[in-house]
Amino acid sequence: MEGEVTVRDVMTRDYVGVSESDTVLGAVRLMDEDDIGCVVVLRGSDPVGIVTESDVLSLVADERDPADVEVSSVMSEPVVSVDADRGLSDAAATMSREDIRRLAVTNDEELVGVLSERDVISASASLAGVPQLREEPPGNLGGEPMGGNPLGGETVGAESVGSVAEDEGDHYEYSDRSICETCGTLSRELTNVNGQLICTDCREV
Protein backbone atom coordinates (compact mmCIF):
# COMPACT_ATOMS: atom_id res chain seq x y z
CA MET A 1 0.00 0.00 0.00
CA GLU A 2 1.37 3.39 -0.99
CA GLY A 3 2.80 5.30 1.94
CA GLU A 4 3.03 2.22 4.15
CA VAL A 5 5.89 2.13 6.66
CA THR A 6 8.46 -0.46 5.64
CA VAL A 7 10.92 -2.52 7.65
CA ARG A 8 13.75 -0.45 6.18
CA ASP A 9 12.27 2.70 7.72
CA VAL A 10 12.58 1.51 11.32
CA MET A 11 15.09 -1.37 11.44
CA THR A 12 18.32 -1.20 13.41
CA ARG A 13 21.09 -0.98 10.83
CA ASP A 14 23.99 -1.44 13.24
CA TYR A 15 24.23 -5.05 14.38
CA VAL A 16 26.99 -7.10 15.97
CA GLY A 17 28.04 -10.41 14.43
CA VAL A 18 29.78 -13.35 16.07
CA SER A 19 30.84 -16.79 14.85
CA GLU A 20 29.43 -20.12 15.97
CA SER A 21 32.68 -21.05 17.70
CA ASP A 22 32.84 -17.88 19.82
CA THR A 23 32.09 -18.30 23.50
CA VAL A 24 28.86 -17.07 25.02
CA LEU A 25 30.92 -14.95 27.40
CA GLY A 26 32.52 -13.19 24.46
CA ALA A 27 29.09 -12.56 22.93
CA VAL A 28 27.79 -11.19 26.25
CA ARG A 29 30.72 -8.78 26.48
CA LEU A 30 29.94 -7.47 23.00
CA MET A 31 26.28 -7.05 23.93
CA ASP A 32 27.30 -5.14 27.05
CA GLU A 33 29.82 -2.91 25.25
CA ASP A 34 27.36 -1.96 22.52
CA ASP A 35 24.30 -1.86 24.81
CA ILE A 36 22.32 -4.24 22.59
CA GLY A 37 19.97 -7.11 23.31
CA CYS A 38 21.24 -9.63 20.76
CA VAL A 39 24.08 -10.62 18.45
CA VAL A 40 23.73 -12.23 15.03
CA VAL A 41 25.60 -15.50 14.51
CA LEU A 42 27.28 -15.53 11.09
CA ARG A 43 28.69 -18.35 9.01
CA GLY A 44 30.75 -16.33 6.59
CA SER A 45 28.28 -13.58 5.66
CA ASP A 46 25.18 -15.72 6.15
CA PRO A 47 23.12 -15.36 9.36
CA VAL A 48 22.58 -18.79 10.91
CA GLY A 49 21.37 -17.87 14.38
CA ILE A 50 20.70 -15.18 16.96
CA VAL A 51 21.82 -15.05 20.60
CA THR A 52 19.59 -12.96 22.82
CA GLU A 53 19.57 -11.92 26.45
CA SER A 54 17.02 -14.63 27.21
CA ASP A 55 19.33 -17.29 25.72
CA VAL A 56 22.07 -16.15 28.08
CA LEU A 57 19.72 -16.13 31.06
CA SER A 58 18.68 -19.71 30.30
CA LEU A 59 22.33 -20.72 30.17
CA VAL A 60 23.09 -19.15 33.54
CA ALA A 61 19.92 -20.63 35.05
CA ASP A 62 21.21 -24.08 34.03
CA GLU A 63 24.43 -23.26 35.94
CA ARG A 64 26.59 -23.57 32.82
CA ASP A 65 29.72 -21.44 32.48
CA PRO A 66 29.40 -18.92 29.60
CA ALA A 67 33.17 -19.00 29.18
CA ASP A 68 33.06 -22.71 28.34
CA VAL A 69 30.00 -22.77 26.09
CA GLU A 70 30.08 -21.98 22.38
CA VAL A 71 27.55 -19.67 20.81
CA SER A 72 26.32 -22.51 18.57
CA SER A 73 25.03 -24.34 21.66
CA VAL A 74 22.63 -21.61 22.76
CA MET A 75 21.75 -19.64 19.64
CA SER A 76 18.18 -19.53 18.38
CA GLU A 77 17.95 -21.07 14.93
CA PRO A 78 17.06 -21.00 12.13
CA VAL A 79 17.07 -17.26 11.61
CA VAL A 80 13.74 -15.87 10.46
CA SER A 81 14.35 -13.07 7.99
CA VAL A 82 12.28 -10.41 6.28
CA ASP A 83 12.99 -8.28 3.24
CA ALA A 84 13.83 -4.66 4.01
CA ASP A 85 11.08 -3.41 1.70
CA ARG A 86 8.29 -5.45 3.28
CA GLY A 87 5.57 -3.58 5.13
CA LEU A 88 6.11 -3.20 8.87
CA SER A 89 2.68 -4.68 9.59
CA ASP A 90 3.70 -7.84 7.70
CA ALA A 91 6.89 -8.09 9.76
CA ALA A 92 4.90 -7.68 13.00
CA ALA A 93 2.55 -10.45 11.84
CA THR A 94 5.56 -12.70 11.19
CA MET A 95 6.87 -12.05 14.71
CA SER A 96 3.47 -12.97 16.12
CA ARG A 97 3.13 -16.10 14.01
CA GLU A 98 6.66 -17.36 14.77
CA ASP A 99 6.51 -16.20 18.42
CA ILE A 100 9.84 -14.36 18.16
CA ARG A 101 11.03 -10.86 19.05
CA ARG A 102 13.65 -10.23 16.37
CA LEU A 103 13.95 -10.66 12.62
CA ALA A 104 17.04 -10.55 10.42
CA VAL A 105 16.53 -7.95 7.69
CA THR A 106 17.86 -8.73 4.23
CA ASN A 107 18.19 -6.91 0.93
CA ASP A 108 18.88 -9.14 -2.07
CA GLU A 109 19.73 -11.89 0.45
CA GLU A 110 22.38 -9.69 2.10
CA LEU A 111 21.99 -9.03 5.83
CA VAL A 112 21.44 -5.29 6.29
CA GLY A 113 20.05 -5.00 9.81
CA VAL A 114 17.85 -6.38 12.55
CA LEU A 115 14.23 -5.59 13.33
CA SER A 116 13.31 -5.98 17.00
CA GLU A 117 10.00 -5.90 18.79
CA ARG A 118 11.15 -2.64 20.36
CA ASP A 119 11.68 -1.11 16.90
CA VAL A 120 8.09 -1.99 16.00
CA ILE A 121 6.74 -0.59 19.26
CA SER A 122 8.69 2.66 18.85
CA ALA A 123 7.40 3.09 15.30
CA SER A 124 3.86 2.40 16.47
CA ALA A 125 4.14 4.97 19.25
CA SER A 126 5.49 7.62 16.86
CA LEU A 127 2.94 7.05 14.12
CA ALA A 128 0.01 6.86 16.53
CA GLY A 129 0.34 10.63 16.82
CA VAL A 130 -0.68 11.27 13.20
CA PRO A 131 -3.72 13.60 13.51
CA GLN A 132 -5.90 11.84 10.98
CA LEU A 133 -5.65 8.64 12.96
CA ARG A 134 -6.40 10.27 16.32
CA GLU A 135 -9.30 12.56 15.53
CA GLU A 136 -12.68 11.74 16.99
CA PRO A 137 -15.53 11.52 14.50
CA PRO A 138 -18.43 13.96 14.89
CA GLY A 139 -20.95 12.76 17.41
CA ASN A 140 -18.49 10.95 19.67
CA LEU A 141 -19.07 13.27 22.61
CA GLY A 142 -17.75 12.36 26.00
CA GLY A 143 -16.77 8.93 24.83
CA GLU A 144 -13.40 7.24 25.01
CA PRO A 145 -10.84 8.82 22.60
CA MET A 146 -10.77 7.16 19.27
CA GLY A 147 -7.49 6.11 17.69
CA GLY A 148 -6.16 3.88 15.00
CA ASN A 149 -2.91 1.94 15.03
CA PRO A 150 -1.10 2.61 11.72
CA LEU A 151 0.75 -0.72 12.04
CA GLY A 152 -2.44 -2.75 12.14
CA GLY A 153 -4.95 -4.04 14.67
CA GLU A 154 -8.24 -2.68 15.88
CA THR A 155 -8.70 -0.05 18.55
CA VAL A 156 -11.56 -0.54 20.94
CA GLY A 157 -13.31 2.68 21.86
CA ALA A 158 -16.78 4.22 21.85
CA GLU A 159 -17.17 3.03 18.24
CA SER A 160 -15.32 0.60 16.02
CA VAL A 161 -12.46 1.71 13.80
CA GLY A 162 -14.57 0.69 10.83
CA SER A 163 -17.11 3.32 11.83
CA VAL A 164 -14.44 6.04 11.90
CA ALA A 165 -13.39 5.26 8.34
CA GLU A 166 -16.99 5.32 7.18
CA ASP A 167 -17.86 8.60 8.94
CA GLU A 168 -14.79 10.44 7.68
CA GLY A 169 -14.93 9.02 4.19
CA ASP A 170 -11.46 7.50 4.58
CA HIS A 171 -10.41 3.92 4.13
CA TYR A 172 -7.75 2.36 6.33
CA GLU A 173 -6.38 -1.14 6.23
CA TYR A 174 -5.64 -3.00 9.46
CA SER A 175 -4.32 -6.44 10.24
CA ASP A 176 -5.94 -8.37 13.09
CA ARG A 177 -3.20 -7.75 15.69
CA SER A 178 -0.98 -4.97 16.96
CA ILE A 179 1.51 -4.40 19.75
CA CYS A 180 0.76 -3.03 23.21
CA GLU A 181 3.01 -0.03 23.87
CA THR A 182 3.22 -0.86 27.59
CA CYS A 183 4.10 -4.57 27.72
CA GLY A 184 5.07 -5.19 24.08
CA THR A 185 2.74 -8.14 23.52
CA LEU A 186 0.67 -8.61 20.38
CA SER A 187 -3.06 -8.29 20.94
CA ARG A 188 -6.26 -8.04 18.94
CA GLU A 189 -7.82 -5.60 21.39
CA LEU A 190 -6.03 -2.30 22.08
CA THR A 191 -7.35 0.92 23.57
CA ASN A 192 -5.92 4.41 23.14
CA VAL A 193 -5.15 5.57 26.70
CA ASN A 194 -3.42 8.95 27.04
CA GLY A 195 -1.97 8.62 23.55
CA GLN A 196 -0.75 5.01 24.02
CA LEU A 197 -2.22 1.84 22.55
CA ILE A 198 -2.66 -0.51 25.51
CA CYS A 199 -3.90 -4.11 25.73
CA THR A 200 -6.67 -5.36 28.03
CA ASP A 201 -4.26 -6.75 30.66
CA CYS A 202 -2.38 -3.45 31.00
CA ARG A 203 -5.64 -1.48 31.28
CA GLU A 204 -6.63 -3.59 34.27
CA VAL A 205 -3.36 -2.95 36.14
C-alpha atoms as a PDB file:
ATOM      1  CA  MET A   1       0.000   0.000   0.000  1.00  0.00           C
ATOM      2  CA  GLU A   2       1.373   3.387  -0.986  1.00  0.00           C
ATOM      3  CA  GLY A   3       2.803   5.303   1.943  1.00  0.00           C
ATOM      4  CA  GLU A   4       3.026   2.225   4.153  1.00  0.00           C
ATOM      5  CA  VAL A   5       5.886   2.127   6.657  1.00  0.00           C
ATOM      6  CA  THR A   6       8.463  -0.465   5.642  1.00  0.00           C
ATOM      7  CA  VAL A   7      10.919  -2.520   7.649  1.00  0.00           C
ATOM      8  CA  ARG A   8      13.753  -0.449   6.176  1.00  0.00           C
ATOM      9  CA  ASP A   9      12.272   2.701   7.722  1.00  0.00           C
ATOM     10  CA  VAL A  10      12.579   1.511  11.323  1.00  0.00           C
ATOM     11  CA  MET A  11      15.085  -1.366  11.436  1.00  0.00           C
ATOM     12  CA  THR A  12      18.321  -1.201  13.406  1.00  0.00           C
ATOM     13  CA  ARG A  13      21.090  -0.982  10.830  1.00  0.00           C
ATOM     14  CA  ASP A  14      23.987  -1.440  13.240  1.00  0.00           C
ATOM     15  CA  TYR A  15      24.227  -5.051  14.384  1.00  0.00           C
ATOM     16  CA  VAL A  16      26.993  -7.099  15.965  1.00  0.00           C
ATOM     17  CA  GLY A  17      28.037 -10.414  14.430  1.00  0.00           C
ATOM     18  CA  VAL A  18      29.785 -13.354  16.075  1.00  0.00           C
ATOM     19  CA  SER A  19      30.842 -16.788  14.846  1.00  0.00           C
ATOM     20  CA  GLU A  20      29.427 -20.123  15.971  1.00  0.00           C
ATOM     21  CA  SER A  21      32.679 -21.050  17.698  1.00  0.00           C
ATOM     22  CA  ASP A  22      32.842 -17.879  19.825  1.00  0.00           C
ATOM     23  CA  THR A  23      32.093 -18.305  23.504  1.00  0.00           C
ATOM     24  CA  VAL A  24      28.858 -17.074  25.015  1.00  0.00           C
ATOM     25  CA  LEU A  25      30.916 -14.955  27.401  1.00  0.00           C
ATOM     26  CA  GLY A  26      32.518 -13.186  24.455  1.00  0.00           C
ATOM     27  CA  ALA A  27      29.091 -12.557  22.935  1.00  0.00           C
ATOM     28  CA  VAL A  28      27.793 -11.192  26.248  1.00  0.00           C
ATOM     29  CA  ARG A  29      30.718  -8.784  26.480  1.00  0.00           C
ATOM     30  CA  LEU A  30      29.940  -7.469  22.996  1.00  0.00           C
ATOM     31  CA  MET A  31      26.282  -7.051  23.932  1.00  0.00           C
ATOM     32  CA  ASP A  32      27.302  -5.142  27.054  1.00  0.00           C
ATOM     33  CA  GLU A  33      29.819  -2.909  25.247  1.00  0.00           C
ATOM     34  CA  ASP A  34      27.357  -1.957  22.520  1.00  0.00           C
ATOM     35  CA  ASP A  35      24.301  -1.860  24.811  1.00  0.00           C
ATOM     36  CA  ILE A  36      22.318  -4.237  22.589  1.00  0.00           C
ATOM     37  CA  GLY A  37      19.968  -7.107  23.306  1.00  0.00           C
ATOM     38  CA  CYS A  38      21.241  -9.628  20.759  1.00  0.00           C
ATOM     39  CA  VAL A  39      24.081 -10.625  18.451  1.00  0.00           C
ATOM     40  CA  VAL A  40      23.731 -12.233  15.031  1.00  0.00           C
ATOM     41  CA  VAL A  41      25.601 -15.500  14.507  1.00  0.00           C
ATOM     42  CA  LEU A  42      27.276 -15.529  11.094  1.00  0.00           C
ATOM     43  CA  ARG A  43      28.689 -18.348   9.005  1.00  0.00           C
ATOM     44  CA  GLY A  44      30.751 -16.332   6.595  1.00  0.00           C
ATOM     45  CA  SER A  45      28.284 -13.578   5.663  1.00  0.00           C
ATOM     46  CA  ASP A  46      25.178 -15.724   6.155  1.00  0.00           C
ATOM     47  CA  PRO A  47      23.124 -15.356   9.358  1.00  0.00           C
ATOM     48  CA  VAL A  48      22.579 -18.794  10.907  1.00  0.00           C
ATOM     49  CA  GLY A  49      21.368 -17.870  14.382  1.00  0.00           C
ATOM     50  CA  ILE A  50      20.702 -15.179  16.963  1.00  0.00           C
ATOM     51  CA  VAL A  51      21.815 -15.054  20.598  1.00  0.00           C
ATOM     52  CA  THR A  52      19.586 -12.957  22.816  1.00  0.00           C
ATOM     53  CA  GLU A  53      19.566 -11.925  26.454  1.00  0.00           C
ATOM     54  CA  SER A  54      17.016 -14.635  27.207  1.00  0.00           C
ATOM     55  CA  ASP A  55      19.328 -17.286  25.717  1.00  0.00           C
ATOM     56  CA  VAL A  56      22.072 -16.146  28.085  1.00  0.00           C
ATOM     57  CA  LEU A  57      19.717 -16.134  31.064  1.00  0.00           C
ATOM     58  CA  SER A  58      18.678 -19.711  30.303  1.00  0.00           C
ATOM     59  CA  LEU A  59      22.326 -20.724  30.166  1.00  0.00           C
ATOM     60  CA  VAL A  60      23.091 -19.151  33.544  1.00  0.00           C
ATOM     61  CA  ALA A  61      19.924 -20.635  35.052  1.00  0.00           C
ATOM     62  CA  ASP A  62      21.210 -24.081  34.033  1.00  0.00           C
ATOM     63  CA  GLU A  63      24.435 -23.257  35.936  1.00  0.00           C
ATOM     64  CA  ARG A  64      26.587 -23.568  32.823  1.00  0.00           C
ATOM     65  CA  ASP A  65      29.723 -21.442  32.477  1.00  0.00           C
ATOM     66  CA  PRO A  66      29.399 -18.919  29.603  1.00  0.00           C
ATOM     67  CA  ALA A  67      33.174 -18.997  29.182  1.00  0.00           C
ATOM     68  CA  ASP A  68      33.059 -22.714  28.344  1.00  0.00           C
ATOM     69  CA  VAL A  69      29.997 -22.768  26.090  1.00  0.00           C
ATOM     70  CA  GLU A  70      30.080 -21.976  22.382  1.00  0.00           C
ATOM     71  CA  VAL A  71      27.547 -19.668  20.806  1.00  0.00           C
ATOM     72  CA  SER A  72      26.320 -22.510  18.570  1.00  0.00           C
ATOM     73  CA  SER A  73      25.034 -24.344  21.657  1.00  0.00           C
ATOM     74  CA  VAL A  74      22.635 -21.609  22.759  1.00  0.00           C
ATOM     75  CA  MET A  75      21.749 -19.635  19.639  1.00  0.00           C
ATOM     76  CA  SER A  76      18.178 -19.526  18.377  1.00  0.00           C
ATOM     77  CA  GLU A  77      17.953 -21.070  14.931  1.00  0.00           C
ATOM     78  CA  PRO A  78      17.059 -21.000  12.129  1.00  0.00           C
ATOM     79  CA  VAL A  79      17.074 -17.262  11.608  1.00  0.00           C
ATOM     80  CA  VAL A  80      13.741 -15.871  10.458  1.00  0.00           C
ATOM     81  CA  SER A  81      14.350 -13.071   7.994  1.00  0.00           C
ATOM     82  CA  VAL A  82      12.280 -10.415   6.275  1.00  0.00           C
ATOM     83  CA  ASP A  83      12.988  -8.278   3.236  1.00  0.00           C
ATOM     84  CA  ALA A  84      13.830  -4.656   4.014  1.00  0.00           C
ATOM     85  CA  ASP A  85      11.081  -3.406   1.696  1.00  0.00           C
ATOM     86  CA  ARG A  86       8.289  -5.451   3.283  1.00  0.00           C
ATOM     87  CA  GLY A  87       5.574  -3.583   5.127  1.00  0.00           C
ATOM     88  CA  LEU A  88       6.115  -3.200   8.869  1.00  0.00           C
ATOM     89  CA  SER A  89       2.684  -4.682   9.589  1.00  0.00           C
ATOM     90  CA  ASP A  90       3.696  -7.835   7.695  1.00  0.00           C
ATOM     91  CA  ALA A  91       6.886  -8.090   9.759  1.00  0.00           C
ATOM     92  CA  ALA A  92       4.902  -7.685  12.995  1.00  0.00           C
ATOM     93  CA  ALA A  93       2.550 -10.451  11.838  1.00  0.00           C
ATOM     94  CA  THR A  94       5.564 -12.702  11.190  1.00  0.00           C
ATOM     95  CA  MET A  95       6.867 -12.051  14.714  1.00  0.00           C
ATOM     96  CA  SER A  96       3.472 -12.966  16.120  1.00  0.00           C
ATOM     97  CA  ARG A  97       3.132 -16.104  14.013  1.00  0.00           C
ATOM     98  CA  GLU A  98       6.657 -17.357  14.768  1.00  0.00           C
ATOM     99  CA  ASP A  99       6.507 -16.200  18.416  1.00  0.00           C
ATOM    100  CA  ILE A 100       9.840 -14.359  18.159  1.00  0.00           C
ATOM    101  CA  ARG A 101      11.034 -10.860  19.051  1.00  0.00           C
ATOM    102  CA  ARG A 102      13.651 -10.233  16.371  1.00  0.00           C
ATOM    103  CA  LEU A 103      13.949 -10.658  12.621  1.00  0.00           C
ATOM    104  CA  ALA A 104      17.038 -10.550  10.422  1.00  0.00           C
ATOM    105  CA  VAL A 105      16.533  -7.945   7.688  1.00  0.00           C
ATOM    106  CA  THR A 106      17.862  -8.725   4.230  1.00  0.00           C
ATOM    107  CA  ASN A 107      18.190  -6.908   0.928  1.00  0.00           C
ATOM    108  CA  ASP A 108      18.881  -9.137  -2.074  1.00  0.00           C
ATOM    109  CA  GLU A 109      19.729 -11.893   0.451  1.00  0.00           C
ATOM    110  CA  GLU A 110      22.375  -9.692   2.101  1.00  0.00           C
ATOM    111  CA  LEU A 111      21.991  -9.026   5.831  1.00  0.00           C
ATOM    112  CA  VAL A 112      21.443  -5.287   6.286  1.00  0.00           C
ATOM    113  CA  GLY A 113      20.048  -5.003   9.808  1.00  0.00           C
ATOM    114  CA  VAL A 114      17.849  -6.382  12.553  1.00  0.00           C
ATOM    115  CA  LEU A 115      14.227  -5.595  13.327  1.00  0.00           C
ATOM    116  CA  SER A 116      13.311  -5.975  16.996  1.00  0.00           C
ATOM    117  CA  GLU A 117      10.001  -5.901  18.791  1.00  0.00           C
ATOM    118  CA  ARG A 118      11.152  -2.638  20.358  1.00  0.00           C
ATOM    119  CA  ASP A 119      11.676  -1.113  16.896  1.00  0.00           C
ATOM    120  CA  VAL A 120       8.089  -1.992  16.001  1.00  0.00           C
ATOM    121  CA  ILE A 121       6.737  -0.586  19.263  1.00  0.00           C
ATOM    122  CA  SER A 122       8.695   2.665  18.850  1.00  0.00           C
ATOM    123  CA  ALA A 123       7.398   3.091  15.304  1.00  0.00           C
ATOM    124  CA  SER A 124       3.856   2.398  16.467  1.00  0.00           C
ATOM    125  CA  ALA A 125       4.139   4.969  19.253  1.00  0.00           C
ATOM    126  CA  SER A 126       5.485   7.619  16.856  1.00  0.00           C
ATOM    127  CA  LEU A 127       2.937   7.047  14.122  1.00  0.00           C
ATOM    128  CA  ALA A 128       0.007   6.856  16.526  1.00  0.00           C
ATOM    129  CA  GLY A 129       0.339  10.630  16.817  1.00  0.00           C
ATOM    130  CA  VAL A 130      -0.677  11.269  13.201  1.00  0.00           C
ATOM    131  CA  PRO A 131      -3.717  13.600  13.511  1.00  0.00           C
ATOM    132  CA  GLN A 132      -5.903  11.837  10.977  1.00  0.00           C
ATOM    133  CA  LEU A 133      -5.650   8.641  12.962  1.00  0.00           C
ATOM    134  CA  ARG A 134      -6.404  10.268  16.316  1.00  0.00           C
ATOM    135  CA  GLU A 135      -9.303  12.565  15.530  1.00  0.00           C
ATOM    136  CA  GLU A 136     -12.682  11.740  16.994  1.00  0.00           C
ATOM    137  CA  PRO A 137     -15.531  11.516  14.504  1.00  0.00           C
ATOM    138  CA  PRO A 138     -18.433  13.958  14.885  1.00  0.00           C
ATOM    139  CA  GLY A 139     -20.950  12.763  17.407  1.00  0.00           C
ATOM    140  CA  ASN A 140     -18.488  10.946  19.670  1.00  0.00           C
ATOM    141  CA  LEU A 141     -19.074  13.270  22.606  1.00  0.00           C
ATOM    142  CA  GLY A 142     -17.752  12.362  26.001  1.00  0.00           C
ATOM    143  CA  GLY A 143     -16.769   8.928  24.833  1.00  0.00           C
ATOM    144  CA  GLU A 144     -13.398   7.238  25.013  1.00  0.00           C
ATOM    145  CA  PRO A 145     -10.845   8.822  22.604  1.00  0.00           C
ATOM    146  CA  MET A 146     -10.773   7.158  19.266  1.00  0.00           C
ATOM    147  CA  GLY A 147      -7.493   6.111  17.691  1.00  0.00           C
ATOM    148  CA  GLY A 148      -6.160   3.877  14.997  1.00  0.00           C
ATOM    149  CA  ASN A 149      -2.913   1.944  15.030  1.00  0.00           C
ATOM    150  CA  PRO A 150      -1.098   2.606  11.718  1.00  0.00           C
ATOM    151  CA  LEU A 151       0.747  -0.717  12.038  1.00  0.00           C
ATOM    152  CA  GLY A 152      -2.441  -2.752  12.144  1.00  0.00           C
ATOM    153  CA  GLY A 153      -4.954  -4.035  14.666  1.00  0.00           C
ATOM    154  CA  GLU A 154      -8.237  -2.685  15.876  1.00  0.00           C
ATOM    155  CA  THR A 155      -8.703  -0.050  18.548  1.00  0.00           C
ATOM    156  CA  VAL A 156     -11.556  -0.542  20.944  1.00  0.00           C
ATOM    157  CA  GLY A 157     -13.312   2.685  21.863  1.00  0.00           C
ATOM    158  CA  ALA A 158     -16.775   4.217  21.849  1.00  0.00           C
ATOM    159  CA  GLU A 159     -17.174   3.028  18.245  1.00  0.00           C
ATOM    160  CA  SER A 160     -15.324   0.604  16.020  1.00  0.00           C
ATOM    161  CA  VAL A 161     -12.457   1.706  13.805  1.00  0.00           C
ATOM    162  CA  GLY A 162     -14.567   0.688  10.829  1.00  0.00           C
ATOM    163  CA  SER A 163     -17.109   3.320  11.833  1.00  0.00           C
ATOM    164  CA  VAL A 164     -14.442   6.040  11.902  1.00  0.00           C
ATOM    165  CA  ALA A 165     -13.389   5.259   8.335  1.00  0.00           C
ATOM    166  CA  GLU A 166     -16.995   5.319   7.178  1.00  0.00           C
ATOM    167  CA  ASP A 167     -17.864   8.595   8.937  1.00  0.00           C
ATOM    168  CA  GLU A 168     -14.793  10.439   7.683  1.00  0.00           C
ATOM    169  CA  GLY A 169     -14.925   9.017   4.186  1.00  0.00           C
ATOM    170  CA  ASP A 170     -11.460   7.504   4.578  1.00  0.00           C
ATOM    171  CA  HIS A 171     -10.411   3.916   4.126  1.00  0.00           C
ATOM    172  CA  TYR A 172      -7.753   2.364   6.332  1.00  0.00           C
ATOM    173  CA  GLU A 173      -6.377  -1.143   6.230  1.00  0.00           C
ATOM    174  CA  TYR A 174      -5.642  -2.999   9.456  1.00  0.00           C
ATOM    175  CA  SER A 175      -4.319  -6.437  10.243  1.00  0.00           C
ATOM    176  CA  ASP A 176      -5.936  -8.365  13.095  1.00  0.00           C
ATOM    177  CA  ARG A 177      -3.201  -7.751  15.685  1.00  0.00           C
ATOM    178  CA  SER A 178      -0.983  -4.972  16.964  1.00  0.00           C
ATOM    179  CA  ILE A 179       1.515  -4.400  19.751  1.00  0.00           C
ATOM    180  CA  CYS A 180       0.758  -3.025  23.210  1.00  0.00           C
ATOM    181  CA  GLU A 181       3.014  -0.032  23.865  1.00  0.00           C
ATOM    182  CA  THR A 182       3.222  -0.859  27.589  1.00  0.00           C
ATOM    183  CA  CYS A 183       4.097  -4.568  27.722  1.00  0.00           C
ATOM    184  CA  GLY A 184       5.075  -5.192  24.083  1.00  0.00           C
ATOM    185  CA  THR A 185       2.740  -8.144  23.519  1.00  0.00           C
ATOM    186  CA  LEU A 186       0.667  -8.606  20.378  1.00  0.00           C
ATOM    187  CA  SER A 187      -3.057  -8.289  20.939  1.00  0.00           C
ATOM    188  CA  ARG A 188      -6.262  -8.043  18.939  1.00  0.00           C
ATOM    189  CA  GLU A 189      -7.819  -5.596  21.389  1.00  0.00           C
ATOM    190  CA  LEU A 190      -6.029  -2.303  22.082  1.00  0.00           C
ATOM    191  CA  THR A 191      -7.348   0.916  23.565  1.00  0.00           C
ATOM    192  CA  ASN A 192      -5.917   4.410  23.136  1.00  0.00           C
ATOM    193  CA  VAL A 193      -5.145   5.574  26.701  1.00  0.00           C
ATOM    194  CA  ASN A 194      -3.421   8.953  27.036  1.00  0.00           C
ATOM    195  CA  GLY A 195      -1.972   8.617  23.549  1.00  0.00           C
ATOM    196  CA  GLN A 196      -0.748   5.015  24.022  1.00  0.00           C
ATOM    197  CA  LEU A 197      -2.221   1.842  22.552  1.00  0.00           C
ATOM    198  CA  ILE A 198      -2.661  -0.514  25.506  1.00  0.00           C
ATOM    199  CA  CYS A 199      -3.899  -4.106  25.735  1.00  0.00           C
ATOM    200  CA  THR A 200      -6.666  -5.360  28.027  1.00  0.00           C
ATOM    201  CA  ASP A 201      -4.262  -6.754  30.658  1.00  0.00           C
ATOM    202  CA  CYS A 202      -2.379  -3.454  31.001  1.00  0.00           C
ATOM    203  CA  ARG A 203      -5.638  -1.477  31.281  1.00  0.00           C
ATOM    204  CA  GLU A 204      -6.634  -3.593  34.268  1.00  0.00           C
ATOM    205  CA  VAL A 205      -3.362  -2.954  36.138  1.00  0.00           C
END
